[in-house]
């Protein structure tokens, strides 16, 4: 039901290396339309290294540099800046951790509200119309559900409600909720409440989980590998101001 959107240059393609999170690299750039793109390797000359992996640069240096570089990528993105207040609003309304919602939107659409996948998933959170209807988006006299999903606030509110529902459904296990968001909750249930053995879904879970981890503020207490709606209130991440007159992401990062 849910699939990672791939509709040309307007969509985000965030592919992390198959190695474990400690050695994964993240490369990225922001295109002329203000849409951020990420990859697990340097696809072409436009991509700048955002995170080299702890194994390459040392754990302390990697942990300190990665969030700042990723936040900088978002902060020079016109698409991101246009919807970040709506993401905060949706996260707060649904009781979601802001960084998790941000990671999902980045991976799903690159913050493009007009994104449409080949399978018909629409908008910032790439919602299927039937799923959106389950979570409060209904046709009006003037607009069918697909048209309503191109509205950023409508899409984010419904998508955040769906993600929050999945987290509750899978007892706060973030990876299972993400797998269900991509492949459908039925698929996760059919495989015994495990991440289904679909290459796309497994890449999707790694992608969002890694981005979520890098975007979160530094931990102040014992490590926690789940995001529980009952235990953790929504948080808003710190952001970095975009540099005046920045010529490119690479120039900004270095």
Protein backbone atom coordinates (compact mmCIF):
# COMPACT_ATOMS: atom_id res chain seq x y z
CA UNK A 1 0.00 0.00 0.00
CA UNK A 2 2.69 2.45 0.96
CA UNK A 3 5.70 2.82 -1.30
CA UNK A 4 8.69 5.16 -1.40
CA UNK A 5 7.88 7.89 -3.95
CA UNK A 6 10.00 8.12 -7.08
CA UNK A 7 8.57 10.80 -9.36
CA UNK A 8 11.62 12.46 -10.90
CA UNK A 9 13.75 15.34 -9.69
CA UNK A 10 11.05 16.68 -7.37
CA UNK A 11 11.17 13.63 -5.10
CA UNK A 12 13.70 12.65 -2.50
CA UNK A 13 15.83 9.55 -3.05
CA UNK A 14 17.65 8.75 0.19
CA UNK A 15 19.55 5.47 -0.18
CA UNK A 16 21.87 4.53 2.65
CA UNK A 17 24.62 1.95 2.29
CA UNK A 18 23.79 -1.63 3.24
CA UNK A 19 26.34 -1.46 6.04
CA UNK A 20 25.11 -0.88 9.58
CA UNK A 21 24.22 2.61 10.78
CA UNK A 22 27.65 3.18 12.31
CA UNK A 23 29.37 3.17 8.91
CA UNK A 24 26.62 4.52 6.63
CA UNK A 25 27.38 7.62 4.59
CA UNK A 26 24.93 10.37 3.72
CA UNK A 27 25.47 12.60 0.66
CA UNK A 28 23.13 15.36 -0.45
CA UNK A 29 22.37 18.54 -2.36
CA UNK A 30 19.52 21.01 -2.80
CA UNK A 31 18.27 21.43 -6.35
CA UNK A 32 17.30 24.78 -7.99
CA UNK A 33 13.68 24.24 -6.95
CA UNK A 34 14.76 24.05 -3.31
CA UNK A 35 14.16 20.30 -2.97
CA UNK A 36 16.79 18.37 -0.96
CA UNK A 37 18.14 15.10 -2.34
CA UNK A 38 20.11 12.50 -0.39
CA UNK A 39 21.97 9.30 -1.25
CA UNK A 40 24.15 6.70 0.39
CA UNK A 41 26.94 7.41 -2.11
CA UNK A 42 28.12 10.25 -4.32
CA UNK A 43 25.78 9.86 -7.28
CA UNK A 44 27.26 12.79 -9.20
CA UNK A 45 29.22 16.01 -8.71
CA UNK A 46 26.26 17.83 -7.15
CA UNK A 47 26.38 15.71 -4.01
CA UNK A 48 28.35 16.89 -0.97
CA UNK A 49 29.31 14.60 1.91
CA UNK A 50 27.04 15.31 4.88
CA UNK A 51 28.00 12.40 7.09
CA UNK A 52 31.04 10.20 6.59
CA UNK A 53 30.08 7.48 9.06
CA UNK A 54 31.55 6.94 12.50
CA UNK A 55 33.92 4.29 11.19
CA UNK A 56 35.47 6.80 8.78
CA UNK A 57 35.82 9.95 10.87
CA UNK A 58 35.72 8.70 14.44
CA UNK A 59 32.66 8.33 16.62
CA UNK A 60 32.88 11.67 18.41
CA UNK A 61 33.53 13.74 15.31
CA UNK A 62 30.87 11.93 13.29
CA UNK A 63 28.24 12.26 15.99
CA UNK A 64 28.88 15.98 16.36
CA UNK A 65 29.09 16.90 12.68
CA UNK A 66 26.28 14.87 11.14
CA UNK A 67 23.23 16.62 12.66
CA UNK A 68 24.62 20.09 11.91
CA UNK A 69 25.33 19.18 8.30
CA UNK A 70 21.92 17.62 7.80
CA UNK A 71 20.15 20.54 9.43
CA UNK A 72 22.13 22.86 7.18
CA UNK A 73 20.87 20.92 4.18
CA UNK A 74 17.29 21.46 5.25
CA UNK A 75 17.86 25.11 6.07
CA UNK A 76 18.97 25.96 2.53
CA UNK A 77 15.95 24.13 1.12
CA UNK A 78 13.14 26.43 0.05
CA UNK A 79 10.74 23.48 0.01
CA UNK A 80 11.55 22.58 3.62
CA UNK A 81 11.30 26.12 4.94
CA UNK A 82 7.87 26.54 3.33
CA UNK A 83 6.35 23.69 5.34
CA UNK A 84 8.39 23.33 8.54
CA UNK A 85 5.85 25.30 10.62
CA UNK A 86 3.11 22.99 9.34
CA UNK A 87 5.18 19.93 10.26
CA UNK A 88 5.64 21.25 13.79
CA UNK A 89 1.91 21.90 14.01
CA UNK A 90 1.04 18.41 12.77
CA UNK A 91 3.57 16.72 15.04
CA UNK A 92 2.26 18.56 18.09
CA UNK A 93 -1.38 17.80 17.24
CA UNK A 94 -0.66 14.07 16.81
CA UNK A 95 1.75 13.80 19.75
CA UNK A 96 4.63 12.79 17.48
CA UNK A 97 8.30 13.50 17.88
CA UNK A 98 9.00 16.30 15.40
CA UNK A 99 12.27 14.82 14.15
CA UNK A 100 10.54 11.55 13.27
CA UNK A 101 7.86 13.31 11.25
CA UNK A 102 10.51 15.42 9.55
CA UNK A 103 12.51 12.32 8.60
CA UNK A 104 9.42 10.66 7.13
CA UNK A 105 8.45 13.71 5.06
CA UNK A 106 12.01 14.17 3.83
CA UNK A 107 12.18 10.55 2.70
CA UNK A 108 8.69 10.41 1.24
CA UNK A 109 8.60 13.58 -0.86
CA UNK A 110 11.57 15.85 -0.27
CA UNK A 111 9.02 18.36 1.13
CA UNK A 112 7.25 18.64 -2.24
CA UNK A 113 3.47 19.04 -1.66
CA UNK A 114 2.73 18.24 -5.31
CA UNK A 115 4.61 14.91 -5.34
CA UNK A 116 2.67 11.97 -6.77
CA UNK A 117 4.08 8.44 -6.87
CA UNK A 118 3.49 6.00 -9.74
CA UNK A 119 1.08 4.14 -7.45
CA UNK A 120 -0.98 7.22 -6.67
CA UNK A 121 0.40 8.27 -3.28
CA UNK A 122 0.02 12.03 -2.97
CA UNK A 123 1.70 14.99 -1.34
CA UNK A 124 4.20 15.59 1.42
CA UNK A 125 3.57 12.33 3.24
CA UNK A 126 2.70 10.35 0.11
CA UNK A 127 -0.73 9.27 1.30
CA UNK A 128 -3.02 6.99 -0.64
CA UNK A 129 -6.52 8.50 -0.84
CA UNK A 130 -8.09 5.51 0.94
CA UNK A 131 -5.63 5.83 3.82
CA UNK A 132 -6.21 9.57 4.04
CA UNK A 133 -9.95 8.98 4.23
CA UNK A 134 -9.41 6.69 7.22
CA UNK A 135 -7.66 9.54 9.00
CA UNK A 136 -10.00 12.42 8.45
CA UNK A 137 -9.64 13.60 4.84
CA UNK A 138 -12.98 13.48 3.06
CA UNK A 139 -14.21 14.80 -0.26
CA UNK A 140 -16.03 18.12 -0.31
CA UNK A 141 -18.45 19.57 -2.83
CA UNK A 142 -15.53 21.27 -4.53
CA UNK A 143 -12.61 18.89 -4.02
CA UNK A 144 -12.16 15.12 -4.11
CA UNK A 145 -9.76 13.52 -1.64
CA UNK A 146 -6.77 13.44 -4.06
CA UNK A 147 -7.05 17.19 -4.63
CA UNK A 148 -7.32 17.86 -0.92
CA UNK A 149 -4.13 15.91 -0.30
CA UNK A 150 -2.11 18.44 -2.28
CA UNK A 151 -2.81 20.96 0.49
CA UNK A 152 0.24 20.79 2.80
CA UNK A 153 -1.63 21.23 6.07
CA UNK A 154 -4.31 18.69 5.19
CA UNK A 155 -1.73 16.14 4.07
CA UNK A 156 0.53 16.57 7.08
CA UNK A 157 -2.29 16.41 9.60
CA UNK A 158 -3.65 13.19 8.11
CA UNK A 159 -0.21 11.65 7.67
CA UNK A 160 0.80 12.50 11.23
CA UNK A 161 -2.41 10.95 12.56
CA UNK A 162 -1.70 7.81 10.56
CA UNK A 163 1.88 7.55 11.77
CA UNK A 164 0.79 8.12 15.38
CA UNK A 165 -1.85 5.40 14.99
CA UNK A 166 0.79 3.00 13.65
CA UNK A 167 3.06 3.73 16.60
CA UNK A 168 0.23 2.89 18.97
CA UNK A 169 -0.71 -0.18 16.94
CA UNK A 170 2.84 -1.53 17.18
CA UNK A 171 3.42 -0.57 20.83
CA UNK A 172 5.82 2.28 20.15
CA UNK A 173 8.19 0.17 18.01
CA UNK A 174 9.31 2.82 15.55
CA UNK A 175 10.80 0.47 12.96
CA UNK A 176 7.60 -1.58 12.74
CA UNK A 177 5.52 1.58 12.44
CA UNK A 178 7.76 2.80 9.61
CA UNK A 179 7.58 -0.56 7.86
CA UNK A 180 3.79 -0.41 8.09
CA UNK A 181 3.77 3.14 6.76
CA UNK A 182 5.66 1.92 3.70
CA UNK A 183 4.17 -1.53 3.12
CA UNK A 184 0.90 -1.39 5.06
CA UNK A 185 0.09 -2.61 8.54
CA UNK A 186 -1.31 -5.83 7.09
CA UNK A 187 2.06 -6.74 5.61
CA UNK A 188 3.79 -6.29 8.97
CA UNK A 189 1.16 -8.45 10.65
CA UNK A 190 1.45 -11.18 8.01
CA UNK A 191 5.16 -11.48 8.76
CA UNK A 192 4.63 -11.94 12.47
CA UNK A 193 5.02 -8.28 13.44
CA UNK A 194 8.42 -8.14 11.79
CA UNK A 195 9.73 -5.86 9.05
CA UNK A 196 8.58 -7.57 5.83
CA UNK A 197 11.34 -9.05 3.65
CA UNK A 198 10.77 -6.49 0.91
CA UNK A 199 13.96 -4.77 -0.26
CA UNK A 200 12.19 -1.43 -0.67
CA UNK A 201 10.61 -1.55 2.77
CA UNK A 202 13.85 -2.56 4.46
CA UNK A 203 15.69 0.29 2.72
CA UNK A 204 12.90 2.67 3.70
CA UNK A 205 13.09 1.71 7.37
CA UNK A 206 16.89 2.10 7.41
CA UNK A 207 16.63 5.42 5.61
CA UNK A 208 14.07 7.03 7.91
CA UNK A 209 15.60 5.54 11.05
CA UNK A 210 19.07 6.85 10.20
CA UNK A 211 17.81 10.29 9.30
CA UNK A 212 15.66 10.38 12.44
CA UNK A 213 18.65 9.41 14.59
CA UNK A 214 20.84 12.13 13.08
CA UNK A 215 18.19 14.83 13.43
CA UNK A 216 17.38 14.19 17.08
CA UNK A 217 18.87 16.46 19.75
CA UNK A 218 21.66 14.86 21.81
CA UNK A 219 20.32 12.38 24.35
CA UNK A 220 20.30 13.57 27.95
CA UNK A 221 19.36 10.26 29.53
CA UNK A 222 19.54 6.50 28.97
CA UNK A 223 19.34 5.40 25.34
CA UNK A 224 15.85 4.54 24.09
CA UNK A 225 15.33 2.73 20.79
CA UNK A 226 11.57 3.29 20.54
CA UNK A 227 9.38 6.34 20.18
CA UNK A 228 6.39 5.94 22.45
CA UNK A 229 3.47 8.30 22.19
CA UNK A 230 2.67 7.61 25.80
CA UNK A 231 6.14 8.32 27.14
CA UNK A 232 7.66 10.97 24.88
CA UNK A 233 6.07 14.34 24.06
CA UNK A 234 6.58 16.05 20.71
CA UNK A 235 9.86 17.98 20.45
CA UNK A 236 11.00 20.63 18.04
CA UNK A 237 14.53 20.37 16.71
CA UNK A 238 16.92 23.29 16.68
CA UNK A 239 17.53 24.72 13.22
CA UNK A 240 20.43 26.55 11.63
CA UNK A 241 19.89 29.81 9.71
CA UNK A 242 20.50 29.65 5.98
CA UNK A 243 23.58 31.66 5.03
CA UNK A 244 22.95 34.86 3.14
CA UNK A 245 23.81 34.51 -0.53
CA UNK A 246 24.96 30.89 -0.25
CA UNK A 247 26.02 29.80 -3.71
CA UNK A 248 25.75 26.06 -3.11
CA UNK A 249 25.26 23.47 -0.44
CA UNK A 250 28.85 22.33 -0.83
CA UNK A 251 30.16 25.86 -0.28
CA UNK A 252 27.98 26.26 2.79
CA UNK A 253 29.04 22.99 4.37
CA UNK A 254 32.72 23.65 3.91
